[in-house]
Amino acid sequence: QVQLVESGGGLVQAGGSLRLSCAASGRTFSSYAMGWFRQAPGKEREFVAAISWSGGSLYYADSVKGRFTISRDNAKNTVYLQMNSLKPEDTAVYYCTADDKRVPRRAVSVDYWGKGTLVTVSS
């Protein structure tokens, strides 16, 4: 079992930046591949980014490629999502995820979820 707590959300103007953090506790952090999903009002939850157990492989949704960067610090049990050049359409609740069997890229198969942090991008 792993517990996930997101932080770093808030209100930012279009073109600005935010860094989300997700602190994990419980089982050994390096046992999990990690990811971020988001859900905008009235829309389905969607994949944003994911990172493999060692951090050697990174995955991004096309909509955020080149603007967002996922990283992890296994010594601090934390995964990050650096978000640059934010757009109003990035407004959503962002969820941290963990999976010990596969890189979390499909919401339906993810084992563990945080409670989410709200990101609001104003135009």
N, C-alpha and C. Protein backbone atom coordinates (compact mmCIF):
# COMPACT_ATOMS: atom_id res chain seq x y z
N GLN A 1 0.84 -1.19 0.00
CA GLN A 1 0.00 0.00 0.00
C GLN A 1 0.88 1.24 0.00
N VAL A 2 0.39 2.27 -0.66
CA VAL A 2 1.10 3.55 -0.69
C VAL A 2 0.05 4.65 -0.55
N GLN A 3 0.41 5.69 0.17
CA GLN A 3 -0.45 6.85 0.31
C GLN A 3 0.18 8.01 -0.44
N LEU A 4 -0.64 8.76 -1.15
CA LEU A 4 -0.16 9.83 -2.02
C LEU A 4 -0.82 11.15 -1.64
N VAL A 5 -0.01 12.19 -1.48
CA VAL A 5 -0.53 13.51 -1.12
C VAL A 5 0.05 14.54 -2.07
N GLU A 6 -0.83 15.18 -2.84
CA GLU A 6 -0.42 16.20 -3.80
C GLU A 6 -0.39 17.58 -3.14
N SER A 7 0.46 18.44 -3.69
CA SER A 7 0.51 19.84 -3.27
C SER A 7 1.02 20.68 -4.43
N GLY A 8 0.85 21.99 -4.30
CA GLY A 8 1.39 22.88 -5.30
C GLY A 8 0.39 23.48 -6.26
N GLY A 9 -0.86 23.05 -6.18
CA GLY A 9 -1.86 23.64 -7.05
C GLY A 9 -2.18 25.07 -6.66
N GLY A 10 -2.93 25.74 -7.53
CA GLY A 10 -3.31 27.12 -7.24
C GLY A 10 -3.80 27.82 -8.48
N LEU A 11 -3.87 29.13 -8.37
CA LEU A 11 -4.34 29.99 -9.46
C LEU A 11 -3.14 30.65 -10.11
N VAL A 12 -3.09 30.57 -11.43
CA VAL A 12 -1.98 31.17 -12.18
C VAL A 12 -2.52 31.75 -13.47
N GLN A 13 -1.87 32.80 -13.97
CA GLN A 13 -2.28 33.38 -15.24
C GLN A 13 -1.75 32.55 -16.40
N ALA A 14 -2.43 32.64 -17.51
CA ALA A 14 -1.97 31.96 -18.72
C ALA A 14 -0.54 32.37 -19.03
N GLY A 15 0.27 31.38 -19.41
CA GLY A 15 1.67 31.63 -19.67
C GLY A 15 2.56 31.42 -18.47
N GLY A 16 1.96 31.28 -17.30
CA GLY A 16 2.72 31.10 -16.08
C GLY A 16 3.12 29.66 -15.84
N SER A 17 3.71 29.44 -14.66
CA SER A 17 4.23 28.12 -14.30
C SER A 17 3.79 27.73 -12.90
N LEU A 18 3.69 26.42 -12.70
CA LEU A 18 3.46 25.84 -11.39
C LEU A 18 4.24 24.55 -11.30
N ARG A 19 4.61 24.16 -10.10
CA ARG A 19 5.20 22.85 -9.88
C ARG A 19 4.37 22.09 -8.87
N LEU A 20 3.86 20.96 -9.30
CA LEU A 20 3.12 20.08 -8.41
C LEU A 20 4.08 19.07 -7.78
N SER A 21 3.81 18.74 -6.55
CA SER A 21 4.57 17.70 -5.86
C SER A 21 3.61 16.64 -5.35
N CYS A 22 4.12 15.42 -5.25
CA CYS A 22 3.33 14.33 -4.70
C CYS A 22 4.24 13.54 -3.77
N ALA A 23 3.91 13.59 -2.49
CA ALA A 23 4.68 12.86 -1.49
C ALA A 23 4.05 11.50 -1.25
N ALA A 24 4.87 10.47 -1.30
CA ALA A 24 4.38 9.11 -1.10
C ALA A 24 4.87 8.56 0.23
N SER A 25 4.03 7.79 0.86
CA SER A 25 4.42 7.12 2.11
C SER A 25 3.87 5.71 2.09
N GLY A 26 4.48 4.86 2.88
CA GLY A 26 4.06 3.47 2.92
C GLY A 26 5.17 2.59 2.39
N ARG A 27 4.85 1.82 1.39
CA ARG A 27 5.81 0.88 0.81
C ARG A 27 6.92 1.63 0.08
N THR A 28 8.03 0.98 -0.17
CA THR A 28 9.20 1.59 -0.80
C THR A 28 8.81 2.31 -2.09
N PHE A 29 9.16 3.60 -2.14
CA PHE A 29 8.73 4.45 -3.25
C PHE A 29 9.24 3.94 -4.59
N SER A 30 10.45 3.43 -4.62
CA SER A 30 11.02 2.97 -5.89
C SER A 30 10.33 1.71 -6.42
N SER A 31 9.41 1.15 -5.64
CA SER A 31 8.64 -0.01 -6.11
C SER A 31 7.53 0.39 -7.06
N TYR A 32 7.31 1.69 -7.20
CA TYR A 32 6.17 2.18 -7.97
C TYR A 32 6.60 3.03 -9.15
N ALA A 33 5.99 2.76 -10.28
CA ALA A 33 6.00 3.74 -11.35
C ALA A 33 4.95 4.79 -10.98
N MET A 34 5.19 6.03 -11.38
CA MET A 34 4.34 7.13 -10.94
C MET A 34 3.77 7.88 -12.14
N GLY A 35 2.64 8.53 -11.89
CA GLY A 35 2.05 9.29 -12.98
C GLY A 35 1.15 10.40 -12.47
N TRP A 36 0.76 11.26 -13.41
CA TRP A 36 -0.18 12.33 -13.15
C TRP A 36 -1.33 12.21 -14.14
N PHE A 37 -2.53 12.38 -13.63
CA PHE A 37 -3.74 12.48 -14.43
C PHE A 37 -4.43 13.79 -14.06
N ARG A 38 -5.38 14.20 -14.88
CA ARG A 38 -6.16 15.39 -14.55
C ARG A 38 -7.60 15.21 -14.99
N GLN A 39 -8.46 15.97 -14.32
CA GLN A 39 -9.88 15.94 -14.67
C GLN A 39 -10.43 17.36 -14.61
N ALA A 40 -10.85 17.83 -15.77
CA ALA A 40 -11.47 19.14 -15.88
C ALA A 40 -12.98 19.02 -15.63
N PRO A 41 -13.64 20.11 -15.23
CA PRO A 41 -15.08 20.06 -14.97
C PRO A 41 -15.84 19.54 -16.18
N GLY A 42 -16.68 18.55 -15.95
CA GLY A 42 -17.51 18.01 -17.02
C GLY A 42 -16.79 17.10 -17.99
N LYS A 43 -15.53 16.79 -17.72
CA LYS A 43 -14.76 15.94 -18.63
C LYS A 43 -14.27 14.69 -17.92
N GLU A 44 -13.86 13.72 -18.71
CA GLU A 44 -13.31 12.49 -18.15
C GLU A 44 -11.88 12.72 -17.67
N ARG A 45 -11.47 11.87 -16.74
CA ARG A 45 -10.10 11.93 -16.26
C ARG A 45 -9.16 11.53 -17.39
N GLU A 46 -8.05 12.25 -17.55
CA GLU A 46 -7.14 11.96 -18.65
C GLU A 46 -5.70 11.89 -18.17
N PHE A 47 -4.94 11.12 -18.91
CA PHE A 47 -3.52 10.95 -18.63
C PHE A 47 -2.77 12.25 -18.95
N VAL A 48 -1.78 12.58 -18.09
CA VAL A 48 -0.94 13.76 -18.32
C VAL A 48 0.51 13.35 -18.55
N ALA A 49 1.08 12.63 -17.58
CA ALA A 49 2.49 12.26 -17.67
C ALA A 49 2.75 11.09 -16.74
N ALA A 50 3.82 10.34 -17.06
CA ALA A 50 4.20 9.20 -16.21
C ALA A 50 5.70 9.00 -16.27
N ILE A 51 6.20 8.33 -15.24
CA ILE A 51 7.65 8.10 -15.13
C ILE A 51 7.87 6.70 -14.58
N SER A 52 8.87 6.04 -15.12
CA SER A 52 9.16 4.66 -14.71
C SER A 52 9.81 4.61 -13.34
N TRP A 53 10.02 3.42 -12.85
CA TRP A 53 10.50 3.19 -11.48
C TRP A 53 11.82 3.92 -11.21
N SER A 54 12.74 3.86 -12.14
CA SER A 54 14.04 4.49 -11.94
C SER A 54 14.08 5.93 -12.44
N GLY A 55 13.04 6.31 -13.18
CA GLY A 55 13.02 7.63 -13.80
C GLY A 55 13.64 7.67 -15.18
N GLY A 56 14.02 6.53 -15.69
CA GLY A 56 14.70 6.50 -16.98
C GLY A 56 13.79 6.65 -18.18
N SER A 57 12.50 6.37 -17.99
CA SER A 57 11.53 6.49 -19.08
C SER A 57 10.44 7.46 -18.68
N LEU A 58 10.13 8.38 -19.60
CA LEU A 58 9.14 9.41 -19.37
C LEU A 58 8.07 9.32 -20.46
N TYR A 59 6.84 9.64 -20.09
CA TYR A 59 5.71 9.57 -21.02
C TYR A 59 4.85 10.81 -20.83
N TYR A 60 4.36 11.37 -21.94
CA TYR A 60 3.55 12.58 -21.88
C TYR A 60 2.36 12.49 -22.82
N ALA A 61 1.27 13.10 -22.41
CA ALA A 61 0.16 13.32 -23.33
C ALA A 61 0.60 14.35 -24.36
N ASP A 62 0.07 14.22 -25.57
CA ASP A 62 0.44 15.16 -26.64
C ASP A 62 0.11 16.60 -26.24
N SER A 63 -0.95 16.78 -25.48
CA SER A 63 -1.40 18.13 -25.14
C SER A 63 -0.44 18.87 -24.21
N VAL A 64 0.45 18.15 -23.53
CA VAL A 64 1.35 18.81 -22.59
C VAL A 64 2.83 18.65 -22.99
N LYS A 65 3.09 17.88 -24.03
CA LYS A 65 4.46 17.62 -24.45
C LYS A 65 5.16 18.93 -24.78
N GLY A 66 6.37 19.10 -24.24
CA GLY A 66 7.13 20.32 -24.47
C GLY A 66 6.85 21.42 -23.47
N ARG A 67 5.79 21.25 -22.68
CA ARG A 67 5.44 22.27 -21.66
C ARG A 67 5.56 21.72 -20.24
N PHE A 68 5.25 20.45 -20.06
CA PHE A 68 5.28 19.83 -18.73
C PHE A 68 6.47 18.87 -18.64
N THR A 69 7.02 18.75 -17.43
CA THR A 69 8.11 17.82 -17.19
C THR A 69 7.84 17.04 -15.90
N ILE A 70 7.87 15.74 -16.01
CA ILE A 70 7.71 14.89 -14.83
C ILE A 70 9.09 14.43 -14.37
N SER A 71 9.25 14.35 -13.05
CA SER A 71 10.52 13.87 -12.49
C SER A 71 10.22 13.23 -11.14
N ARG A 72 11.20 12.51 -10.64
CA ARG A 72 11.03 11.89 -9.34
C ARG A 72 12.34 11.92 -8.56
N ASP A 73 12.21 11.94 -7.25
CA ASP A 73 13.36 11.87 -6.36
C ASP A 73 13.09 10.71 -5.41
N ASN A 74 13.70 9.58 -5.69
CA ASN A 74 13.43 8.40 -4.89
C ASN A 74 13.95 8.53 -3.46
N ALA A 75 14.93 9.39 -3.25
CA ALA A 75 15.44 9.61 -1.90
C ALA A 75 14.45 10.41 -1.06
N LYS A 76 13.62 11.22 -1.73
CA LYS A 76 12.64 12.04 -1.01
C LYS A 76 11.22 11.49 -1.13
N ASN A 77 11.08 10.34 -1.80
CA ASN A 77 9.76 9.73 -1.97
C ASN A 77 8.77 10.71 -2.60
N THR A 78 9.23 11.41 -3.60
CA THR A 78 8.41 12.47 -4.18
C THR A 78 8.49 12.44 -5.70
N VAL A 79 7.35 12.69 -6.33
CA VAL A 79 7.30 12.89 -7.77
C VAL A 79 6.80 14.31 -8.03
N TYR A 80 7.32 14.91 -9.10
CA TYR A 80 7.02 16.30 -9.42
C TYR A 80 6.41 16.40 -10.82
N LEU A 81 5.66 17.47 -11.00
CA LEU A 81 5.20 17.83 -12.33
C LEU A 81 5.43 19.33 -12.51
N GLN A 82 6.44 19.67 -13.29
CA GLN A 82 6.72 21.08 -13.61
C GLN A 82 5.87 21.46 -14.80
N MET A 83 5.05 22.47 -14.63
CA MET A 83 4.12 22.90 -15.68
C MET A 83 4.47 24.32 -16.10
N ASN A 84 4.88 24.47 -17.34
CA ASN A 84 5.23 25.78 -17.90
C ASN A 84 4.26 26.14 -19.02
N SER A 85 4.26 27.40 -19.38
CA SER A 85 3.41 27.91 -20.47
C SER A 85 1.98 27.43 -20.30
N LEU A 86 1.47 27.59 -19.13
CA LEU A 86 0.13 27.08 -18.83
C LEU A 86 -0.95 27.80 -19.64
N LYS A 87 -1.97 27.02 -19.98
CA LYS A 87 -3.08 27.51 -20.78
C LYS A 87 -4.38 27.34 -19.98
N PRO A 88 -5.40 28.13 -20.29
CA PRO A 88 -6.68 27.96 -19.59
C PRO A 88 -7.20 26.52 -19.67
N GLU A 89 -6.94 25.84 -20.78
CA GLU A 89 -7.42 24.46 -20.92
C GLU A 89 -6.66 23.47 -20.04
N ASP A 90 -5.63 23.92 -19.36
CA ASP A 90 -4.95 23.06 -18.38
C ASP A 90 -5.66 23.07 -17.03
N THR A 91 -6.66 23.91 -16.89
CA THR A 91 -7.42 23.98 -15.64
C THR A 91 -8.07 22.64 -15.34
N ALA A 92 -7.78 22.10 -14.16
CA ALA A 92 -8.29 20.78 -13.79
C ALA A 92 -7.83 20.45 -12.37
N VAL A 93 -8.40 19.39 -11.85
CA VAL A 93 -7.85 18.77 -10.65
C VAL A 93 -6.80 17.76 -11.11
N TYR A 94 -5.62 17.86 -10.56
CA TYR A 94 -4.50 17.00 -10.95
C TYR A 94 -4.30 15.94 -9.86
N TYR A 95 -4.24 14.69 -10.33
CA TYR A 95 -4.11 13.55 -9.43
C TYR A 95 -2.77 12.84 -9.62
N CYS A 96 -2.15 12.53 -8.52
CA CYS A 96 -0.94 11.71 -8.51
C CYS A 96 -1.35 10.24 -8.45
N THR A 97 -0.62 9.41 -9.16
CA THR A 97 -0.94 7.98 -9.19
C THR A 97 0.31 7.14 -9.02
N ALA A 98 0.11 5.90 -8.58
CA ALA A 98 1.21 4.96 -8.40
C ALA A 98 0.75 3.57 -8.81
N ASP A 99 1.67 2.81 -9.37
CA ASP A 99 1.36 1.45 -9.78
C ASP A 99 2.64 0.63 -9.71
N ASP A 100 2.55 -0.54 -9.07
CA ASP A 100 3.75 -1.35 -8.94
C ASP A 100 3.89 -2.37 -10.06
N LYS A 101 2.90 -2.43 -10.95
CA LYS A 101 2.96 -3.45 -12.03
C LYS A 101 3.23 -2.85 -13.40
N ARG A 102 2.83 -1.62 -13.61
CA ARG A 102 2.97 -1.02 -14.95
C ARG A 102 3.06 0.50 -14.81
N VAL A 103 3.59 1.15 -15.81
CA VAL A 103 3.61 2.61 -15.82
C VAL A 103 2.17 3.09 -15.95
N PRO A 104 1.71 3.94 -15.07
CA PRO A 104 0.30 4.35 -15.05
C PRO A 104 -0.04 5.32 -16.17
N ARG A 105 -0.60 4.77 -17.25
CA ARG A 105 -0.98 5.60 -18.39
C ARG A 105 -2.46 5.47 -18.72
N ARG A 106 -3.14 4.50 -18.13
CA ARG A 106 -4.57 4.31 -18.33
C ARG A 106 -5.25 4.37 -16.97
N ALA A 107 -6.19 5.31 -16.84
CA ALA A 107 -6.82 5.53 -15.54
C ALA A 107 -7.49 4.28 -15.01
N VAL A 108 -8.06 3.47 -15.90
CA VAL A 108 -8.84 2.33 -15.47
C VAL A 108 -7.99 1.28 -14.76
N SER A 109 -6.67 1.28 -15.01
CA SER A 109 -5.83 0.22 -14.47
C SER A 109 -4.90 0.69 -13.35
N VAL A 110 -5.03 1.95 -12.95
CA VAL A 110 -4.14 2.48 -11.91
C VAL A 110 -4.54 1.95 -10.54
N ASP A 111 -3.52 1.57 -9.76
CA ASP A 111 -3.79 1.00 -8.44
C ASP A 111 -4.08 2.04 -7.37
N TYR A 112 -3.29 3.11 -7.34
CA TYR A 112 -3.36 4.06 -6.23
C TYR A 112 -3.50 5.49 -6.74
N TRP A 113 -4.35 6.24 -6.05
CA TRP A 113 -4.63 7.64 -6.41
C TRP A 113 -4.49 8.54 -5.19
N GLY A 114 -3.99 9.76 -5.42
CA GLY A 114 -4.10 10.78 -4.40
C GLY A 114 -5.46 11.44 -4.48
N LYS A 115 -5.68 12.42 -3.61
CA LYS A 115 -6.99 13.09 -3.58
C LYS A 115 -7.07 14.25 -4.55
N GLY A 116 -5.95 14.68 -5.08
CA GLY A 116 -5.96 15.71 -6.10
C GLY A 116 -5.64 17.10 -5.59
N THR A 117 -5.14 17.93 -6.50
CA THR A 117 -4.89 19.34 -6.22
C THR A 117 -5.39 20.16 -7.41
N LEU A 118 -6.06 21.25 -7.12
CA LEU A 118 -6.71 22.04 -8.16
C LEU A 118 -5.74 23.04 -8.76
N VAL A 119 -5.69 23.04 -10.08
CA VAL A 119 -4.92 24.03 -10.85
C VAL A 119 -5.91 24.84 -11.67
N THR A 120 -5.87 26.14 -11.51
CA THR A 120 -6.74 27.03 -12.27
C THR A 120 -5.88 28.02 -13.03
N VAL A 121 -6.07 28.05 -14.34
CA VAL A 121 -5.30 28.95 -15.20
C VAL A 121 -6.26 29.99 -15.77
N SER A 122 -6.01 31.24 -15.43
CA SER A 122 -6.89 32.32 -15.90
C SER A 122 -6.36 32.90 -17.20
N SER A 123 -7.29 33.38 -18.03
CA SER A 123 -6.88 33.92 -19.34
C SER A 123 -6.64 35.41 -19.26
